[in-house]
Amino acid sequence: MAATKTVTDKVETKAKTTARKTATKKATMKVSTTLQFAGKSISDEDLVKMAKEVWKSELKKKVAELSSLELYVKPEENTVYCVFNGDITGSYQL
């Protein structure tokens, strides 16, 4: 009886490990976004780099202190509004 339980435990453990690996692979999907307007083309990576510059230069913070970033792009205003760490705001021109 003990041998059967051990085999069952190993099979269940392997199934759980496989499920976690599959979930991890799905979670690491690469996404790239490019905003095009008024003859300009700006990638999502560029938007994040510019926001980090605002964080460092205007707000005088260290990049290591940045834990979350929300960007709101308003092409009609030529502006990106930022929310750093859920409560600190800033903006920059495109």
PDB file of N, CA and C in Angstrom:
ATOM      1  N   MET A   1       0.816  -1.191   0.000  1.00  0.00           N
ATOM      2  CA  MET A   1       0.000   0.000   0.000  1.00  0.00           C
ATOM      3  C   MET A   1       0.862   1.257   0.000  1.00  0.00           C
ATOM      4  N   ALA A   2       1.969   1.230   0.729  1.00  0.00           N
ATOM      5  CA  ALA A   2       2.841   2.400   0.809  1.00  0.00           C
ATOM      6  C   ALA A   2       3.484   2.700  -0.534  1.00  0.00           C
ATOM      7  N   ALA A   3       3.837   1.671  -1.282  1.00  0.00           N
ATOM      8  CA  ALA A   3       4.454   1.873  -2.593  1.00  0.00           C
ATOM      9  C   ALA A   3       3.469   2.521  -3.551  1.00  0.00           C
ATOM     10  N   THR A   4       2.217   2.134  -3.512  1.00  0.00           N
ATOM     11  CA  THR A   4       1.194   2.724  -4.370  1.00  0.00           C
ATOM     12  C   THR A   4       1.013   4.198  -4.048  1.00  0.00           C
ATOM     13  N   LYS A   5       1.012   4.529  -2.786  1.00  0.00           N
ATOM     14  CA  LYS A   5       0.843   5.923  -2.375  1.00  0.00           C
ATOM     15  C   LYS A   5       2.023   6.770  -2.845  1.00  0.00           C
ATOM     16  N   THR A   6       3.230   6.238  -2.750  1.00  0.00           N
ATOM     17  CA  THR A   6       4.428   6.952  -3.181  1.00  0.00           C
ATOM     18  C   THR A   6       4.377   7.224  -4.680  1.00  0.00           C
ATOM     19  N   VAL A   7       3.990   6.245  -5.474  1.00  0.00           N
ATOM     20  CA  VAL A   7       3.890   6.414  -6.921  1.00  0.00           C
ATOM     21  C   VAL A   7       2.826   7.454  -7.248  1.00  0.00           C
ATOM     22  N   THR A   8       1.688   7.388  -6.578  1.00  0.00           N
ATOM     23  CA  THR A   8       0.614   8.359  -6.798  1.00  0.00           C
ATOM     24  C   THR A   8       1.080   9.763  -6.446  1.00  0.00           C
ATOM     25  N   ASP A   9       1.782   9.907  -5.321  1.00  0.00           N
ATOM     26  CA  ASP A   9       2.306  11.211  -4.917  1.00  0.00           C
ATOM     27  C   ASP A   9       3.266  11.758  -5.955  1.00  0.00           C
ATOM     28  N   LYS A  10       4.136  10.892  -6.496  1.00  0.00           N
ATOM     29  CA  LYS A  10       5.112  11.332  -7.498  1.00  0.00           C
ATOM     30  C   LYS A  10       4.410  11.790  -8.772  1.00  0.00           C
ATOM     31  N   VAL A  11       3.386  11.066  -9.200  1.00  0.00           N
ATOM     32  CA  VAL A  11       2.644  11.436 -10.406  1.00  0.00           C
ATOM     33  C   VAL A  11       1.936  12.772 -10.194  1.00  0.00           C
ATOM     34  N   GLU A  12       1.310  12.958  -9.027  1.00  0.00           N
ATOM     35  CA  GLU A  12       0.621  14.216  -8.734  1.00  0.00           C
ATOM     36  C   GLU A  12       1.612  15.375  -8.673  1.00  0.00           C
ATOM     37  N   THR A  13       2.767  15.143  -8.067  1.00  0.00           N
ATOM     38  CA  THR A  13       3.798  16.182  -7.979  1.00  0.00           C
ATOM     39  C   THR A  13       4.295  16.558  -9.365  1.00  0.00           C
ATOM     40  N   LYS A  14       4.522  15.565 -10.225  1.00  0.00           N
ATOM     41  CA  LYS A  14       4.989  15.847 -11.586  1.00  0.00           C
ATOM     42  C   LYS A  14       3.928  16.629 -12.359  1.00  0.00           C
ATOM     43  N   ALA A  15       2.669  16.299 -12.204  1.00  0.00           N
ATOM     44  CA  ALA A  15       1.590  17.012 -12.894  1.00  0.00           C
ATOM     45  C   ALA A  15       1.515  18.464 -12.430  1.00  0.00           C
ATOM     46  N   LYS A  16       1.680  18.685 -11.124  1.00  0.00           N
ATOM     47  CA  LYS A  16       1.653  20.051 -10.593  1.00  0.00           C
ATOM     48  C   LYS A  16       2.835  20.860 -11.119  1.00  0.00           C
ATOM     49  N   THR A  17       4.017  20.226 -11.181  1.00  0.00           N
ATOM     50  CA  THR A  17       5.210  20.905 -11.685  1.00  0.00           C
ATOM     51  C   THR A  17       5.032  21.274 -13.148  1.00  0.00           C
ATOM     52  N   THR A  18       4.502  20.366 -13.937  1.00  0.00           N
ATOM     53  CA  THR A  18       4.263  20.632 -15.357  1.00  0.00           C
ATOM     54  C   THR A  18       3.261  21.769 -15.523  1.00  0.00           C
ATOM     55  N   ALA A  19       2.226  21.786 -14.726  1.00  0.00           N
ATOM     56  CA  ALA A  19       1.220  22.851 -14.803  1.00  0.00           C
ATOM     57  C   ALA A  19       1.842  24.199 -14.458  1.00  0.00           C
ATOM     58  N   ARG A  20       2.707  24.244 -13.445  1.00  0.00           N
ATOM     59  CA  ARG A  20       3.368  25.503 -13.072  1.00  0.00           C
ATOM     60  C   ARG A  20       4.285  25.987 -14.183  1.00  0.00           C
ATOM     61  N   LYS A  21       5.031  25.067 -14.800  1.00  0.00           N
ATOM     62  CA  LYS A  21       5.938  25.451 -15.886  1.00  0.00           C
ATOM     63  C   LYS A  21       5.141  26.012 -17.058  1.00  0.00           C
ATOM     64  N   THR A  22       4.021  25.385 -17.373  1.00  0.00           N
ATOM     65  CA  THR A  22       3.178  25.865 -18.471  1.00  0.00           C
ATOM     66  C   THR A  22       2.633  27.250 -18.147  1.00  0.00           C
ATOM     67  N   ALA A  23       2.183  27.451 -16.931  1.00  0.00           N
ATOM     68  CA  ALA A  23       1.657  28.764 -16.528  1.00  0.00           C
ATOM     69  C   ALA A  23       2.749  29.813 -16.598  1.00  0.00           C
ATOM     70  N   THR A  24       3.959  29.466 -16.198  1.00  0.00           N
ATOM     71  CA  THR A  24       5.078  30.401 -16.246  1.00  0.00           C
ATOM     72  C   THR A  24       5.407  30.761 -17.687  1.00  0.00           C
ATOM     73  N   LYS A  25       5.408  29.799 -18.578  1.00  0.00           N
ATOM     74  CA  LYS A  25       5.689  30.081 -19.991  1.00  0.00           C
ATOM     75  C   LYS A  25       4.643  31.034 -20.562  1.00  0.00           C
ATOM     76  N   LYS A  26       3.395  30.846 -20.211  1.00  0.00           N
ATOM     77  CA  LYS A  26       2.333  31.716 -20.703  1.00  0.00           C
ATOM     78  C   LYS A  26       2.490  33.124 -20.141  1.00  0.00           C
ATOM     79  N   ALA A  27       2.924  33.237 -18.914  1.00  0.00           N
ATOM     80  CA  ALA A  27       3.043  34.535 -18.261  1.00  0.00           C
ATOM     81  C   ALA A  27       4.208  35.357 -18.804  1.00  0.00           C
ATOM     82  N   THR A  28       5.145  34.741 -19.474  1.00  0.00           N
ATOM     83  CA  THR A  28       6.320  35.454 -19.958  1.00  0.00           C
ATOM     84  C   THR A  28       6.218  35.823 -21.442  1.00  0.00           C
ATOM     85  N   MET A  29       5.024  35.842 -21.976  1.00  0.00           N
ATOM     86  CA  MET A  29       4.833  36.206 -23.374  1.00  0.00           C
ATOM     87  C   MET A  29       5.337  37.629 -23.622  1.00  0.00           C
ATOM     88  N   LYS A  30       6.083  37.829 -24.680  1.00  0.00           N
ATOM     89  CA  LYS A  30       6.623  39.141 -25.035  1.00  0.00           C
ATOM     90  C   LYS A  30       5.569  39.914 -25.808  1.00  0.00           C
ATOM     91  N   VAL A  31       5.322  41.140 -25.371  1.00  0.00           N
ATOM     92  CA  VAL A  31       4.368  42.026 -26.040  1.00  0.00           C
ATOM     93  C   VAL A  31       5.087  43.324 -26.380  1.00  0.00           C
ATOM     94  N   SER A  32       4.863  43.813 -27.568  1.00  0.00           N
ATOM     95  CA  SER A  32       5.460  45.076 -27.982  1.00  0.00           C
ATOM     96  C   SER A  32       4.359  45.952 -28.571  1.00  0.00           C
ATOM     97  N   THR A  33       4.330  47.205 -28.144  1.00  0.00           N
ATOM     98  CA  THR A  33       3.331  48.151 -28.628  1.00  0.00           C
ATOM     99  C   THR A  33       4.046  49.375 -29.180  1.00  0.00           C
ATOM    100  N   THR A  34       3.577  49.869 -30.300  1.00  0.00           N
ATOM    101  CA  THR A  34       4.127  51.095 -30.878  1.00  0.00           C
ATOM    102  C   THR A  34       2.977  52.051 -31.138  1.00  0.00           C
ATOM    103  N   LEU A  35       3.137  53.256 -30.621  1.00  0.00           N
ATOM    104  CA  LEU A  35       2.136  54.301 -30.816  1.00  0.00           C
ATOM    105  C   LEU A  35       2.559  55.131 -32.023  1.00  0.00           C
ATOM    106  N   GLN A  36       1.683  55.244 -33.000  1.00  0.00           N
ATOM    107  CA  GLN A  36       1.970  56.044 -34.184  1.00  0.00           C
ATOM    108  C   GLN A  36       0.901  57.123 -34.312  1.00  0.00           C
ATOM    109  N   PHE A  37       1.364  58.377 -34.417  1.00  0.00           N
ATOM    110  CA  PHE A  37       0.439  59.490 -34.609  1.00  0.00           C
ATOM    111  C   PHE A  37       1.224  60.698 -35.090  1.00  0.00           C
ATOM    112  N   ALA A  38       0.590  61.528 -35.858  1.00  0.00           N
ATOM    113  CA  ALA A  38       1.162  62.792 -36.331  1.00  0.00           C
ATOM    114  C   ALA A  38       2.591  62.639 -36.849  1.00  0.00           C
ATOM    115  N   GLY A  39       2.831  61.570 -37.571  1.00  0.00           N
ATOM    116  CA  GLY A  39       4.158  61.352 -38.142  1.00  0.00           C
ATOM    117  C   GLY A  39       5.203  60.856 -37.151  1.00  0.00           C
ATOM    118  N   LYS A  40       4.794  60.557 -35.917  1.00  0.00           N
ATOM    119  CA  LYS A  40       5.702  60.054 -34.892  1.00  0.00           C
ATOM    120  C   LYS A  40       5.468  58.562 -34.685  1.00  0.00           C
ATOM    121  N   SER A  41       6.480  57.886 -34.209  1.00  0.00           N
ATOM    122  CA  SER A  41       6.378  56.472 -33.878  1.00  0.00           C
ATOM    123  C   SER A  41       7.161  56.247 -32.585  1.00  0.00           C
ATOM    124  N   ILE A  42       6.450  55.847 -31.523  1.00  0.00           N
ATOM    125  CA  ILE A  42       7.078  55.695 -30.215  1.00  0.00           C
ATOM    126  C   ILE A  42       6.729  54.315 -29.662  1.00  0.00           C
ATOM    127  N   SER A  43       7.766  53.545 -29.295  1.00  0.00           N
ATOM    128  CA  SER A  43       7.546  52.205 -28.752  1.00  0.00           C
ATOM    129  C   SER A  43       7.209  52.268 -27.270  1.00  0.00           C
ATOM    130  N   ASP A  44       6.643  51.178 -26.778  1.00  0.00           N
ATOM    131  CA  ASP A  44       6.337  51.106 -25.354  1.00  0.00           C
ATOM    132  C   ASP A  44       7.612  51.181 -24.519  1.00  0.00           C
ATOM    133  N   GLU A  45       8.695  50.626 -25.036  1.00  0.00           N
ATOM    134  CA  GLU A  45       9.977  50.700 -24.327  1.00  0.00           C
ATOM    135  C   GLU A  45      10.446  52.149 -24.188  1.00  0.00           C
ATOM    136  N   ASP A  46      10.263  52.932 -25.254  1.00  0.00           N
ATOM    137  CA  ASP A  46      10.642  54.353 -25.200  1.00  0.00           C
ATOM    138  C   ASP A  46       9.785  55.115 -24.190  1.00  0.00           C
ATOM    139  N   LEU A  47       8.495  54.807 -24.143  1.00  0.00           N
ATOM    140  CA  LEU A  47       7.606  55.469 -23.188  1.00  0.00           C
ATOM    141  C   LEU A  47       8.052  55.193 -21.751  1.00  0.00           C
ATOM    142  N   VAL A  48       8.442  53.957 -21.477  1.00  0.00           N
ATOM    143  CA  VAL A  48       8.903  53.587 -20.133  1.00  0.00           C
ATOM    144  C   VAL A  48      10.232  54.270 -19.821  1.00  0.00           C
ATOM    145  N   LYS A  49      11.157  54.300 -20.793  1.00  0.00           N
ATOM    146  CA  LYS A  49      12.452  54.971 -20.578  1.00  0.00           C
ATOM    147  C   LYS A  49      12.252  56.448 -20.242  1.00  0.00           C
ATOM    148  N   MET A  50      11.360  57.108 -20.975  1.00  0.00           N
ATOM    149  CA  MET A  50      11.097  58.531 -20.715  1.00  0.00           C
ATOM    150  C   MET A  50      10.471  58.733 -19.338  1.00  0.00           C
ATOM    151  N   ALA A  51       9.573  57.830 -18.943  1.00  0.00           N
ATOM    152  CA  ALA A  51       8.953  57.934 -17.624  1.00  0.00           C
ATOM    153  C   ALA A  51       9.999  57.743 -16.519  1.00  0.00           C
ATOM    154  N   LYS A  52      10.917  56.807 -16.710  1.00  0.00           N
ATOM    155  CA  LYS A  52      11.985  56.597 -15.719  1.00  0.00           C
ATOM    156  C   LYS A  52      12.876  57.832 -15.613  1.00  0.00           C
ATOM    157  N   GLU A  53      13.067  58.525 -16.716  1.00  0.00           N
ATOM    158  CA  GLU A  53      13.848  59.766 -16.692  1.00  0.00           C
ATOM    159  C   GLU A  53      13.152  60.821 -15.848  1.00  0.00           C
ATOM    160  N   VAL A  54      11.823  60.924 -15.981  1.00  0.00           N
ATOM    161  CA  VAL A  54      11.048  61.856 -15.158  1.00  0.00           C
ATOM    162  C   VAL A  54      11.208  61.467 -13.686  1.00  0.00           C
ATOM    163  N   TRP A  55      11.109  60.187 -13.403  1.00  0.00           N
ATOM    164  CA  TRP A  55      11.249  59.671 -12.042  1.00  0.00           C
ATOM    165  C   TRP A  55      12.597  60.071 -11.444  1.00  0.00           C
ATOM    166  N   LYS A  56      13.655  59.910 -12.235  1.00  0.00           N
ATOM    167  CA  LYS A  56      15.004  60.211 -11.744  1.00  0.00           C
ATOM    168  C   LYS A  56      15.288  61.706 -11.706  1.00  0.00           C
ATOM    169  N   SER A  57      15.065  62.398 -12.811  1.00  0.00           N
ATOM    170  CA  SER A  57      15.517  63.789 -12.909  1.00  0.00           C
ATOM    171  C   SER A  57      14.551  64.791 -12.265  1.00  0.00           C
ATOM    172  N   GLU A  58      13.269  64.654 -12.517  1.00  0.00           N
ATOM    173  CA  GLU A  58      12.315  65.629 -11.977  1.00  0.00           C
ATOM    174  C   GLU A  58      11.899  65.324 -10.544  1.00  0.00           C
ATOM    175  N   LEU A  59      11.695  64.035 -10.252  1.00  0.00           N
ATOM    176  CA  LEU A  59      11.222  63.659  -8.921  1.00  0.00           C
ATOM    177  C   LEU A  59      12.365  63.284  -7.979  1.00  0.00           C
ATOM    178  N   LYS A  60      13.583  63.238  -8.514  1.00  0.00           N
ATOM    179  CA  LYS A  60      14.789  62.969  -7.709  1.00  0.00           C
ATOM    180  C   LYS A  60      14.702  61.656  -6.942  1.00  0.00           C
ATOM    181  N   LYS A  61      14.230  60.619  -7.619  1.00  0.00           N
ATOM    182  CA  LYS A  61      14.098  59.294  -7.012  1.00  0.00           C
ATOM    183  C   LYS A  61      15.053  58.325  -7.702  1.00  0.00           C
ATOM    184  N   LYS A  62      15.336  57.220  -7.036  1.00  0.00           N
ATOM    185  CA  LYS A  62      16.177  56.166  -7.609  1.00  0.00           C
ATOM    186  C   LYS A  62      15.287  55.165  -8.339  1.00  0.00           C
ATOM    187  N   VAL A  63      15.778  54.634  -9.466  1.00  0.00           N
ATOM    188  CA  VAL A  63      15.005  53.669 -10.243  1.00  0.00           C
ATOM    189  C   VAL A  63      14.650  52.455  -9.386  1.00  0.00           C
ATOM    190  N   ALA A  64      15.535  52.067  -8.467  1.00  0.00           N
ATOM    191  CA  ALA A  64      15.273  50.918  -7.601  1.00  0.00           C
ATOM    192  C   ALA A  64      14.041  51.135  -6.722  1.00  0.00           C
ATOM    193  N   GLU A  65      13.653  52.376  -6.500  1.00  0.00           N
ATOM    194  CA  GLU A  65      12.478  52.690  -5.682  1.00  0.00           C
ATOM    195  C   GLU A  65      11.170  52.599  -6.476  1.00  0.00           C
ATOM    196  N   LEU A  66      11.269  52.437  -7.768  1.00  0.00           N
ATOM    197  CA  LEU A  66      10.087  52.378  -8.633  1.00  0.00           C
ATOM    198  C   LEU A  66       9.568  50.943  -8.684  1.00  0.00           C
ATOM    199  N   SER A  67       8.367  50.724  -8.156  1.00  0.00           N
ATOM    200  CA  SER A  67       7.815  49.367  -8.125  1.00  0.00           C
ATOM    201  C   SER A  67       6.646  49.179  -9.094  1.00  0.00           C
ATOM    202  N   SER A  68       5.975  50.259  -9.467  1.00  0.00           N
ATOM    203  CA  SER A  68       4.899  50.142 -10.452  1.00  0.00           C
ATOM    204  C   SER A  68       4.818  51.427 -11.270  1.00  0.00           C
ATOM    205  N   LEU A  69       4.332  51.278 -12.485  1.00  0.00           N
ATOM    206  CA  LEU A  69       4.260  52.410 -13.402  1.00  0.00           C
ATOM    207  C   LEU A  69       3.016  52.270 -14.269  1.00  0.00           C
ATOM    208  N   GLU A  70       2.188  53.302 -14.262  1.00  0.00           N
ATOM    209  CA  GLU A  70       1.020  53.366 -15.148  1.00  0.00           C
ATOM    210  C   GLU A  70       1.230  54.546 -16.080  1.00  0.00           C
ATOM    211  N   LEU A  71       1.031  54.332 -17.375  1.00  0.00           N
ATOM    212  CA  LEU A  71       1.197  55.395 -18.362  1.00  0.00           C
ATOM    213  C   LEU A  71      -0.123  55.643 -19.072  1.00  0.00           C
ATOM    214  N   TYR A  72      -0.479  56.901 -19.197  1.00  0.00           N
ATOM    215  CA  TYR A  72      -1.686  57.318 -19.909  1.00  0.00           C
ATOM    216  C   TYR A  72      -1.253  58.247 -21.031  1.00  0.00           C
ATOM    217  N   VAL A  73      -1.319  57.745 -22.255  1.00  0.00           N
ATOM    218  CA  VAL A  73      -0.847  58.489 -23.425  1.00  0.00           C
ATOM    219  C   VAL A  73      -2.021  59.269 -24.015  1.00  0.00           C
ATOM    220  N   LYS A  74      -1.830  60.589 -24.136  1.00  0.00           N
ATOM    221  CA  LYS A  74      -2.857  61.443 -24.730  1.00  0.00           C
ATOM    222  C   LYS A  74      -2.255  62.109 -25.967  1.00  0.00           C
ATOM    223  N   PRO A  75      -2.323  61.450 -27.123  1.00  0.00           N
ATOM    224  CA  PRO A  75      -1.711  61.991 -28.337  1.00  0.00           C
ATOM    225  C   PRO A  75      -2.249  63.372 -28.703  1.00  0.00           C
ATOM    226  N   GLU A  76      -3.542  63.616 -28.453  1.00  0.00           N
ATOM    227  CA  GLU A  76      -4.116  64.918 -28.814  1.00  0.00           C
ATOM    228  C   GLU A  76      -3.502  66.057 -27.999  1.00  0.00           C
ATOM    229  N   GLU A  77      -2.920  65.734 -26.837  1.00  0.00           N
ATOM    230  CA  GLU A  77      -2.235  66.729 -26.017  1.00  0.00           C
ATOM    231  C   GLU A  77      -0.715  66.621 -26.146  1.00  0.00           C
ATOM    232  N   ASN A  78      -0.257  65.615 -26.903  1.00  0.00           N
ATOM    233  CA  ASN A  78       1.176  65.350 -27.070  1.00  0.00           C
ATOM    234  C   ASN A  78       1.849  65.112 -25.709  1.00  0.00           C
ATOM    235  N   THR A  79       1.117  64.440 -24.803  1.00  0.00           N
ATOM    236  CA  THR A  79       1.574  64.275 -23.425  1.00  0.00           C
ATOM    237  C   THR A  79       1.352  62.850 -22.939  1.00  0.00           C
ATOM    238  N   VAL A  80       2.260  62.403 -22.068  1.00  0.00           N
ATOM    239  CA  VAL A  80       2.095  61.134 -21.365  1.00  0.00           C
ATOM    240  C   VAL A  80       1.995  61.459 -19.880  1.00  0.00           C
ATOM    241  N   TYR A  81       0.926  60.988 -19.243  1.00  0.00           N
ATOM    242  CA  TYR A  81       0.748  61.168 -17.811  1.00  0.00           C
ATOM    243  C   TYR A  81       1.162  59.871 -17.118  1.00  0.00           C
ATOM    244  N   CYS A  82       1.886  59.989 -16.011  1.00  0.00           N
ATOM    245  CA  CYS A  82       2.441  58.831 -15.310  1.00  0.00           C
ATOM    246  C   CYS A  82       1.910  58.764 -13.882  1.00  0.00           C
ATOM    247  N   VAL A  83       1.717  57.550 -13.405  1.00  0.00           N
ATOM    248  CA  VAL A  83       1.451  57.309 -11.994  1.00  0.00           C
ATOM    249  C   VAL A  83       2.520  56.332 -11.533  1.00  0.00           C
ATOM    250  N   PHE A  84       3.392  56.811 -10.656  1.00  0.00           N
ATOM    251  CA  PHE A  84       4.492  56.018 -10.138  1.00  0.00           C
ATOM    252  C   PHE A  84       4.100  55.423  -8.792  1.00  0.00           C
ATOM    253  N   ASN A  85       4.339  54.155  -8.619  1.00  0.00           N
ATOM    254  CA  ASN A  85       4.084  53.459  -7.344  1.00  0.00           C
ATOM    255  C   ASN A  85       2.663  53.678  -6.816  1.00  0.00           C
ATOM    256  N   GLY A  86       1.727  53.874  -7.730  1.00  0.00           N
ATOM    257  CA  GLY A  86       0.324  53.968  -7.363  1.00  0.00           C
ATOM    258  C   GLY A  86      -0.165  55.306  -6.857  1.00  0.00           C
ATOM    259  N   ASP A  87       0.766  56.252  -6.537  1.00  0.00           N
ATOM    260  CA  ASP A  87       0.275  57.506  -5.972  1.00  0.00           C
ATOM    261  C   ASP A  87       1.078  58.757  -6.323  1.00  0.00           C
ATOM    262  N   ILE A  88       2.201  58.624  -6.966  1.00  0.00           N
ATOM    263  CA  ILE A  88       3.024  59.777  -7.336  1.00  0.00           C
ATOM    264  C   ILE A  88       2.792  60.042  -8.813  1.00  0.00           C
ATOM    265  N   THR A  89       2.440  61.284  -9.165  1.00  0.00           N
ATOM    266  CA  THR A  89       2.125  61.589 -10.561  1.00  0.00           C
ATOM    267  C   THR A  89       3.204  62.454 -11.204  1.00  0.00           C
ATOM    268  N   GLY A  90       3.242  62.355 -12.500  1.00  0.00           N
ATOM    269  CA  GLY A  90       4.152  63.168 -13.301  1.00  0.00           C
ATOM    270  C   GLY A  90       3.691  63.136 -14.733  1.00  0.00           C
ATOM    271  N   SER A  91       4.354  63.853 -15.606  1.00  0.00           N
ATOM    272  CA  SER A  91       4.006  63.849 -17.016  1.00  0.00           C
ATOM    273  C   SER A  91       5.209  64.301 -17.832  1.00  0.00           C
ATOM    274  N   TYR A  92       5.146  64.017 -19.123  1.00  0.00           N
ATOM    275  CA  TYR A  92       6.165  64.493 -20.047  1.00  0.00           C
ATOM    276  C   TYR A  92       5.578  64.632 -21.434  1.00  0.00           C
ATOM    277  N   GLN A  93       6.217  65.471 -22.217  1.00  0.00           N
ATOM    278  CA  GLN A  93       5.778  65.728 -23.597  1.00  0.00           C
ATOM    279  C   GLN A  93       6.385  64.669 -24.526  1.00  0.00           C
ATOM    280  N   LEU A  94       5.625  64.299 -25.523  1.00  0.00           N
ATOM    281  CA  LEU A  94       6.118  63.344 -26.523  1.00  0.00           C
ATOM    282  C   LEU A  94       7.000  64.015 -27.529  1.00  0.00           C
TER     283      LEU A  94
END
